[in-house]
């Protein structure tokens, strides 16, 4: 990597919110609204950070169709992208970049075993590709399950919000009582929408 490119990359990683976004995306794909909630940062600001990260080639956005409602875009770390940054505490601080021990799952152990195997290179690559295919199938399955659960969540959230709107129109005192009781447990989006109502 040329020094100019390295400088740009360090500028991008110099922002704490962008580092936190990258760390979250190493765990799973996220929608903008989820990142906003997780980080406690407004969606407009999150979108700008995502635009910068996407332009730099660190992440990619994919649009996911939802049967009810507009398609939603989720973001992932770019496939096939590997970035290792060794930084001193004087640059970013040790907490953010201290190497974390990965969860010792059976899949992780199997991957390590295949990587360390002393089989001939053709056999090794073949076994790794087979395992990669299996992992990708499982990721696809998880993403489908996630989409189905997102639809159920959307259905429930929409019903609760519509019910509370109806109560607000019919009996303001009852609405206020319900908000005092359930407000802390309501998704933040519902509370914000009802406050704008």
Foldseek 3Di string as FASTA:
>chain_A
DDPVLVVLVLVLVLDPLLLVVQVVQVVDKAFLVVSCVVVVHDSVVSVVNVVSCVVNQQKDKDWADAPPDDTTIIMHGDPPDDDDDDDDCVRPHCPSRPDDDDDPDPLVVVLVCLVPDPDPPVVSVVVNVVSVVVVVVVSVVVVVVVSVVVNVVVVVLVVVLVVLVVCCVVPVVVSVVVCVVCVVVRPPVSVVVVVVD
